[in-house]
């Protein structure tokens, strides 16, 4: 299981995946808005998204949980 965390704090602008969805390493999971910049959060491993811990319009702190991926 790979936990995905935010590298920077910011607002959740877009959630691009949902639980049960397969992702490849490097796929964008979420886009954060930080200081007027779009910051993509990418999958560190290939696998299946098991959980999404954020919602569009919400906020996340640096190091906060974004998602969990079961490695394939």
PDB file of N, CA and C in Angstrom:
ATOM      1  N   UNK A   1       0.852  -1.180   0.000  1.00  0.00           N
ATOM      2  CA  UNK A   1       0.000   0.000   0.000  1.00  0.00           C
ATOM      3  C   UNK A   1       0.893   1.237   0.000  1.00  0.00           C
ATOM      4  N   UNK A   2       0.625   2.138  -0.931  1.00  0.00           N
ATOM      5  CA  UNK A   2       1.390   3.385  -1.007  1.00  0.00           C
ATOM      6  C   UNK A   2       0.479   4.540  -0.597  1.00  0.00           C
ATOM      7  N   UNK A   3       0.921   5.301   0.383  1.00  0.00           N
ATOM      8  CA  UNK A   3       0.191   6.491   0.797  1.00  0.00           C
ATOM      9  C   UNK A   3       0.724   7.680   0.016  1.00  0.00           C
ATOM     10  N   UNK A   4      -0.180   8.485  -0.525  1.00  0.00           N
ATOM     11  CA  UNK A   4       0.189   9.665  -1.296  1.00  0.00           C
ATOM     12  C   UNK A   4      -0.089  10.875  -0.421  1.00  0.00           C
ATOM     13  N   UNK A   5       0.926  11.736  -0.261  1.00  0.00           N
ATOM     14  CA  UNK A   5       0.776  12.925   0.572  1.00  0.00           C
ATOM     15  C   UNK A   5       1.059  14.186  -0.243  1.00  0.00           C
ATOM     16  N   UNK A   6       0.623  15.313   0.287  1.00  0.00           N
ATOM     17  CA  UNK A   6       0.813  16.596  -0.382  1.00  0.00           C
ATOM     18  C   UNK A   6       2.233  17.106  -0.151  1.00  0.00           C
ATOM     19  N   UNK A   7       2.906  17.495  -1.231  1.00  0.00           N
ATOM     20  CA  UNK A   7       4.246  18.072  -1.106  1.00  0.00           C
ATOM     21  C   UNK A   7       4.175  19.514  -0.635  1.00  0.00           C
ATOM     22  N   UNK A   8       3.046  20.169  -0.915  1.00  0.00           N
ATOM     23  CA  UNK A   8       2.816  21.552  -0.494  1.00  0.00           C
ATOM     24  C   UNK A   8       1.394  21.658   0.044  1.00  0.00           C
ATOM     25  N   UNK A   9       1.158  22.637   0.873  1.00  0.00           N
ATOM     26  CA  UNK A   9      -0.188  22.895   1.345  1.00  0.00           C
ATOM     27  C   UNK A   9      -0.946  23.719   0.317  1.00  0.00           C
ATOM     28  N   UNK A  10      -2.243  23.552   0.264  1.00  0.00           N
ATOM     29  CA  UNK A  10      -3.035  24.345  -0.669  1.00  0.00           C
ATOM     30  C   UNK A  10      -4.472  23.892  -0.707  1.00  0.00           C
ATOM     31  N   UNK A  11      -5.204  24.445  -1.649  1.00  0.00           N
ATOM     32  CA  UNK A  11      -6.603  24.075  -1.855  1.00  0.00           C
ATOM     33  C   UNK A  11      -6.689  22.989  -2.918  1.00  0.00           C
ATOM     34  N   UNK A  12      -7.633  22.080  -2.729  1.00  0.00           N
ATOM     35  CA  UNK A  12      -7.843  21.006  -3.700  1.00  0.00           C
ATOM     36  C   UNK A  12      -8.680  21.575  -4.836  1.00  0.00           C
ATOM     37  N   UNK A  13      -8.062  21.712  -6.004  1.00  0.00           N
ATOM     38  CA  UNK A  13      -8.741  22.287  -7.157  1.00  0.00           C
ATOM     39  C   UNK A  13      -9.500  21.224  -7.933  1.00  0.00           C
ATOM     40  N   UNK A  14      -8.855  20.080  -8.223  1.00  0.00           N
ATOM     41  CA  UNK A  14      -9.488  19.004  -8.983  1.00  0.00           C
ATOM     42  C   UNK A  14      -9.053  17.653  -8.429  1.00  0.00           C
ATOM     43  N   UNK A  15     -10.011  16.742  -8.310  1.00  0.00           N
ATOM     44  CA  UNK A  15      -9.732  15.337  -7.999  1.00  0.00           C
ATOM     45  C   UNK A  15      -9.998  14.572  -9.289  1.00  0.00           C
ATOM     46  N   UNK A  16      -8.962  13.946  -9.843  1.00  0.00           N
ATOM     47  CA  UNK A  16      -9.052  13.326 -11.166  1.00  0.00           C
ATOM     48  C   UNK A  16      -9.283  11.818 -11.146  1.00  0.00           C
ATOM     49  N   UNK A  17      -9.225  11.213  -9.965  1.00  0.00           N
ATOM     50  CA  UNK A  17      -9.410   9.757  -9.862  1.00  0.00           C
ATOM     51  C   UNK A  17     -10.432   9.448  -8.780  1.00  0.00           C
ATOM     52  N   UNK A  18     -10.890   8.201  -8.767  1.00  0.00           N
ATOM     53  CA  UNK A  18     -11.823   7.769  -7.730  1.00  0.00           C
ATOM     54  C   UNK A  18     -11.421   6.375  -7.259  1.00  0.00           C
ATOM     55  N   UNK A  19     -11.882   5.965  -6.078  1.00  0.00           N
ATOM     56  CA  UNK A  19     -11.549   4.628  -5.582  1.00  0.00           C
ATOM     57  C   UNK A  19     -11.948   3.545  -6.580  1.00  0.00           C
ATOM     58  N   UNK A  20     -11.071   2.571  -6.727  1.00  0.00           N
ATOM     59  CA  UNK A  20     -11.296   1.472  -7.661  1.00  0.00           C
ATOM     60  C   UNK A  20     -10.662   1.694  -9.022  1.00  0.00           C
ATOM     61  N   UNK A  21     -10.203   2.918  -9.265  1.00  0.00           N
ATOM     62  CA  UNK A  21      -9.600   3.245 -10.561  1.00  0.00           C
ATOM     63  C   UNK A  21      -8.140   2.796 -10.600  1.00  0.00           C
ATOM     64  N   UNK A  22      -7.725   2.224 -11.731  1.00  0.00           N
ATOM     65  CA  UNK A  22      -6.334   1.833 -11.931  1.00  0.00           C
ATOM     66  C   UNK A  22      -5.528   3.045 -12.390  1.00  0.00           C
ATOM     67  N   UNK A  23      -4.314   3.166 -11.867  1.00  0.00           N
ATOM     68  CA  UNK A  23      -3.430   4.268 -12.253  1.00  0.00           C
ATOM     69  C   UNK A  23      -2.039   3.720 -12.554  1.00  0.00           C
ATOM     70  N   UNK A  24      -1.322   4.439 -13.406  1.00  0.00           N
ATOM     71  CA  UNK A  24       0.070   4.116 -13.704  1.00  0.00           C
ATOM     72  C   UNK A  24       0.957   5.051 -12.893  1.00  0.00           C
ATOM     73  N   UNK A  25       2.182   4.635 -12.657  1.00  0.00           N
ATOM     74  CA  UNK A  25       3.136   5.499 -11.976  1.00  0.00           C
ATOM     75  C   UNK A  25       3.261   6.809 -12.763  1.00  0.00           C
ATOM     76  N   UNK A  26       3.129   7.923 -12.076  1.00  0.00           N
ATOM     77  CA  UNK A  26       3.238   9.225 -12.723  1.00  0.00           C
ATOM     78  C   UNK A  26       1.920   9.846 -13.151  1.00  0.00           C
ATOM     79  N   UNK A  27       0.819   9.077 -13.081  1.00  0.00           N
ATOM     80  CA  UNK A  27      -0.498   9.639 -13.410  1.00  0.00           C
ATOM     81  C   UNK A  27      -0.872  10.709 -12.385  1.00  0.00           C
ATOM     82  N   UNK A  28      -1.511  11.776 -12.844  1.00  0.00           N
ATOM     83  CA  UNK A  28      -1.957  12.835 -11.938  1.00  0.00           C
ATOM     84  C   UNK A  28      -3.228  12.381 -11.227  1.00  0.00           C
ATOM     85  N   UNK A  29      -3.208  12.473  -9.897  1.00  0.00           N
ATOM     86  CA  UNK A  29      -4.349  12.069  -9.080  1.00  0.00           C
ATOM     87  C   UNK A  29      -5.213  13.266  -8.705  1.00  0.00           C
ATOM     88  N   UNK A  30      -4.538  14.332  -8.291  1.00  0.00           N
ATOM     89  CA  UNK A  30      -5.196  15.523  -7.760  1.00  0.00           C
ATOM     90  C   UNK A  30      -4.396  16.732  -8.215  1.00  0.00           C
ATOM     91  N   UNK A  31      -5.080  17.857  -8.405  1.00  0.00           N
ATOM     92  CA  UNK A  31      -4.385  19.115  -8.682  1.00  0.00           C
ATOM     93  C   UNK A  31      -4.671  20.067  -7.528  1.00  0.00           C
ATOM     94  N   UNK A  32      -3.605  20.541  -6.899  1.00  0.00           N
ATOM     95  CA  UNK A  32      -3.716  21.508  -5.811  1.00  0.00           C
ATOM     96  C   UNK A  32      -3.489  22.905  -6.361  1.00  0.00           C
ATOM     97  N   UNK A  33      -4.083  23.894  -5.713  1.00  0.00           N
ATOM     98  CA  UNK A  33      -3.835  25.297  -6.041  1.00  0.00           C
ATOM     99  C   UNK A  33      -3.088  25.887  -4.853  1.00  0.00           C
ATOM    100  N   UNK A  34      -1.886  26.363  -5.141  1.00  0.00           N
ATOM    101  CA  UNK A  34      -1.039  26.917  -4.090  1.00  0.00           C
ATOM    102  C   UNK A  34      -0.404  28.201  -4.613  1.00  0.00           C
ATOM    103  N   UNK A  35      -0.692  29.324  -3.990  1.00  0.00           N
ATOM    104  CA  UNK A  35      -0.141  30.619  -4.392  1.00  0.00           C
ATOM    105  C   UNK A  35      -0.384  30.881  -5.881  1.00  0.00           C
ATOM    106  N   UNK A  36      -1.627  30.638  -6.331  1.00  0.00           N
ATOM    107  CA  UNK A  36      -2.061  30.875  -7.715  1.00  0.00           C
ATOM    108  C   UNK A  36      -1.392  29.952  -8.735  1.00  0.00           C
ATOM    109  N   UNK A  37      -0.750  28.891  -8.262  1.00  0.00           N
ATOM    110  CA  UNK A  37      -0.113  27.921  -9.161  1.00  0.00           C
ATOM    111  C   UNK A  37      -0.840  26.587  -9.037  1.00  0.00           C
ATOM    112  N   UNK A  38      -0.925  25.853 -10.152  1.00  0.00           N
ATOM    113  CA  UNK A  38      -1.480  24.508 -10.139  1.00  0.00           C
ATOM    114  C   UNK A  38      -0.348  23.518  -9.866  1.00  0.00           C
ATOM    115  N   UNK A  39      -0.536  22.699  -8.840  1.00  0.00           N
ATOM    116  CA  UNK A  39       0.493  21.736  -8.447  1.00  0.00           C
ATOM    117  C   UNK A  39      -0.092  20.329  -8.569  1.00  0.00           C
ATOM    118  N   UNK A  40       0.371  19.535  -9.552  1.00  0.00           N
ATOM    119  CA  UNK A  40      -0.155  18.172  -9.687  1.00  0.00           C
ATOM    120  C   UNK A  40       0.414  17.251  -8.600  1.00  0.00           C
ATOM    121  N   UNK A  41      -0.441  16.361  -8.109  1.00  0.00           N
ATOM    122  CA  UNK A  41      -0.017  15.302  -7.186  1.00  0.00           C
ATOM    123  C   UNK A  41      -0.108  14.018  -7.985  1.00  0.00           C
ATOM    124  N   UNK A  42       1.032  13.331  -8.162  1.00  0.00           N
ATOM    125  CA  UNK A  42       1.083  12.165  -9.042  1.00  0.00           C
ATOM    126  C   UNK A  42       1.223  10.868  -8.262  1.00  0.00           C
ATOM    127  N   UNK A  43       0.827   9.785  -8.906  1.00  0.00           N
ATOM    128  CA  UNK A  43       0.930   8.451  -8.313  1.00  0.00           C
ATOM    129  C   UNK A  43       2.399   8.036  -8.253  1.00  0.00           C
ATOM    130  N   UNK A  44       2.886   7.659  -7.067  1.00  0.00           N
ATOM    131  CA  UNK A  44       4.275   7.219  -6.959  1.00  0.00           C
ATOM    132  C   UNK A  44       4.497   5.791  -7.457  1.00  0.00           C
ATOM    133  N   UNK A  45       3.403   5.036  -7.579  1.00  0.00           N
ATOM    134  CA  UNK A  45       3.462   3.634  -8.022  1.00  0.00           C
ATOM    135  C   UNK A  45       2.252   3.336  -8.904  1.00  0.00           C
ATOM    136  N   UNK A  46       2.331   2.256  -9.663  1.00  0.00           N
ATOM    137  CA  UNK A  46       1.174   1.772 -10.418  1.00  0.00           C
ATOM    138  C   UNK A  46       0.318   0.928  -9.494  1.00  0.00           C
ATOM    139  N   UNK A  47      -0.988   0.977  -9.696  1.00  0.00           N
ATOM    140  CA  UNK A  47      -1.878   0.173  -8.863  1.00  0.00           C
ATOM    141  C   UNK A  47      -3.308   0.631  -8.956  1.00  0.00           C
ATOM    142  N   UNK A  48      -4.069   0.341  -7.899  1.00  0.00           N
ATOM    143  CA  UNK A  48      -5.479   0.694  -7.830  1.00  0.00           C
ATOM    144  C   UNK A  48      -5.704   1.658  -6.674  1.00  0.00           C
ATOM    145  N   UNK A  49      -6.389   2.762  -6.957  1.00  0.00           N
ATOM    146  CA  UNK A  49      -6.706   3.733  -5.910  1.00  0.00           C
ATOM    147  C   UNK A  49      -7.695   3.076  -4.947  1.00  0.00           C
ATOM    148  N   UNK A  50      -7.340   3.039  -3.667  1.00  0.00           N
ATOM    149  CA  UNK A  50      -8.233   2.436  -2.676  1.00  0.00           C
ATOM    150  C   UNK A  50      -8.983   3.487  -1.870  1.00  0.00           C
ATOM    151  N   UNK A  51      -8.366   4.659  -1.676  1.00  0.00           N
ATOM    152  CA  UNK A  51      -9.003   5.716  -0.901  1.00  0.00           C
ATOM    153  C   UNK A  51      -8.593   7.077  -1.436  1.00  0.00           C
ATOM    154  N   UNK A  52      -9.513   8.031  -1.361  1.00  0.00           N
ATOM    155  CA  UNK A  52      -9.224   9.440  -1.629  1.00  0.00           C
ATOM    156  C   UNK A  52      -9.541  10.177  -0.333  1.00  0.00           C
ATOM    157  N   UNK A  53      -8.583  10.911   0.193  1.00  0.00           N
ATOM    158  CA  UNK A  53      -8.744  11.576   1.490  1.00  0.00           C
ATOM    159  C   UNK A  53      -9.099  13.052   1.380  1.00  0.00           C
ATOM    160  N   UNK A  54      -9.257  13.569   0.157  1.00  0.00           N
ATOM    161  CA  UNK A  54      -9.550  14.993  -0.034  1.00  0.00           C
ATOM    162  C   UNK A  54     -10.760  15.147  -0.950  1.00  0.00           C
ATOM    163  N   UNK A  55     -11.345  16.341  -0.940  1.00  0.00           N
ATOM    164  CA  UNK A  55     -12.474  16.646  -1.818  1.00  0.00           C
ATOM    165  C   UNK A  55     -12.214  17.988  -2.484  1.00  0.00           C
ATOM    166  N   UNK A  56     -12.750  18.143  -3.695  1.00  0.00           N
ATOM    167  CA  UNK A  56     -12.589  19.406  -4.401  1.00  0.00           C
ATOM    168  C   UNK A  56     -13.140  20.546  -3.539  1.00  0.00           C
ATOM    169  N   UNK A  57     -12.380  21.634  -3.487  1.00  0.00           N
ATOM    170  CA  UNK A  57     -12.769  22.790  -2.690  1.00  0.00           C
ATOM    171  C   UNK A  57     -12.242  22.741  -1.270  1.00  0.00           C
ATOM    172  N   UNK A  58     -11.726  21.591  -0.851  1.00  0.00           N
ATOM    173  CA  UNK A  58     -11.168  21.450   0.485  1.00  0.00           C
ATOM    174  C   UNK A  58      -9.722  21.930   0.519  1.00  0.00           C
ATOM    175  N   UNK A  59      -9.129  21.841   1.674  1.00  0.00           N
ATOM    176  CA  UNK A  59      -7.738  22.253   1.847  1.00  0.00           C
ATOM    177  C   UNK A  59      -6.934  21.080   2.386  1.00  0.00           C
ATOM    178  N   UNK A  60      -5.642  21.120   2.104  1.00  0.00           N
ATOM    179  CA  UNK A  60      -4.731  20.097   2.616  1.00  0.00           C
ATOM    180  C   UNK A  60      -3.438  20.788   3.035  1.00  0.00           C
ATOM    181  N   UNK A  61      -2.869  20.319   4.129  1.00  0.00           N
ATOM    182  CA  UNK A  61      -1.605  20.865   4.612  1.00  0.00           C
ATOM    183  C   UNK A  61      -0.442  20.096   3.997  1.00  0.00           C
ATOM    184  N   UNK A  62       0.723  20.703   4.007  1.00  0.00           N
ATOM    185  CA  UNK A  62       1.931  20.014   3.534  1.00  0.00           C
ATOM    186  C   UNK A  62       2.093  18.721   4.320  1.00  0.00           C
ATOM    187  N   UNK A  63       2.284  17.624   3.604  1.00  0.00           N
ATOM    188  CA  UNK A  63       2.428  16.322   4.243  1.00  0.00           C
ATOM    189  C   UNK A  63       1.107  15.638   4.554  1.00  0.00           C
ATOM    190  N   UNK A  64      -0.007  16.325   4.291  1.00  0.00           N
ATOM    191  CA  UNK A  64      -1.329  15.755   4.563  1.00  0.00           C
ATOM    192  C   UNK A  64      -1.665  14.646   3.586  1.00  0.00           C
ATOM    193  N   UNK A  65      -2.542  13.733   4.011  1.00  0.00           N
ATOM    194  CA  UNK A  65      -2.906  12.598   3.150  1.00  0.00           C
ATOM    195  C   UNK A  65      -3.766  13.027   1.963  1.00  0.00           C
ATOM    196  N   UNK A  66      -3.457  12.459   0.810  1.00  0.00           N
ATOM    197  CA  UNK A  66      -4.208  12.713  -0.419  1.00  0.00           C
ATOM    198  C   UNK A  66      -4.970  11.445  -0.823  1.00  0.00           C
ATOM    199  N   UNK A  67      -4.259  10.329  -0.929  1.00  0.00           N
ATOM    200  CA  UNK A  67      -4.871   9.086  -1.404  1.00  0.00           C
ATOM    201  C   UNK A  67      -4.045   7.900  -0.948  1.00  0.00           C
ATOM    202  N   UNK A  68      -4.609   6.709  -1.156  1.00  0.00           N
ATOM    203  CA  UNK A  68      -3.900   5.452  -0.920  1.00  0.00           C
ATOM    204  C   UNK A  68      -4.024   4.609  -2.182  1.00  0.00           C
ATOM    205  N   UNK A  69      -2.932   3.933  -2.533  1.00  0.00           N
ATOM    206  CA  UNK A  69      -2.892   3.102  -3.746  1.00  0.00           C
ATOM    207  C   UNK A  69      -2.398   1.711  -3.364  1.00  0.00           C
ATOM    208  N   UNK A  70      -3.147   0.698  -3.776  1.00  0.00           N
ATOM    209  CA  UNK A  70      -2.711  -0.687  -3.620  1.00  0.00           C
ATOM    210  C   UNK A  70      -1.857  -1.005  -4.833  1.00  0.00           C
ATOM    211  N   UNK A  71      -0.587  -1.323  -4.594  1.00  0.00           N
ATOM    212  CA  UNK A  71       0.342  -1.581  -5.700  1.00  0.00           C
ATOM    213  C   UNK A  71      -0.055  -2.848  -6.451  1.00  0.00           C
ATOM    214  N   UNK A  72       0.170  -2.797  -7.781  1.00  0.00           N
ATOM    215  CA  UNK A  72      -0.155  -3.970  -8.597  1.00  0.00           C
ATOM    216  C   UNK A  72       1.098  -4.735  -8.949  1.00  0.00           C
TER     217      UNK A  72
END
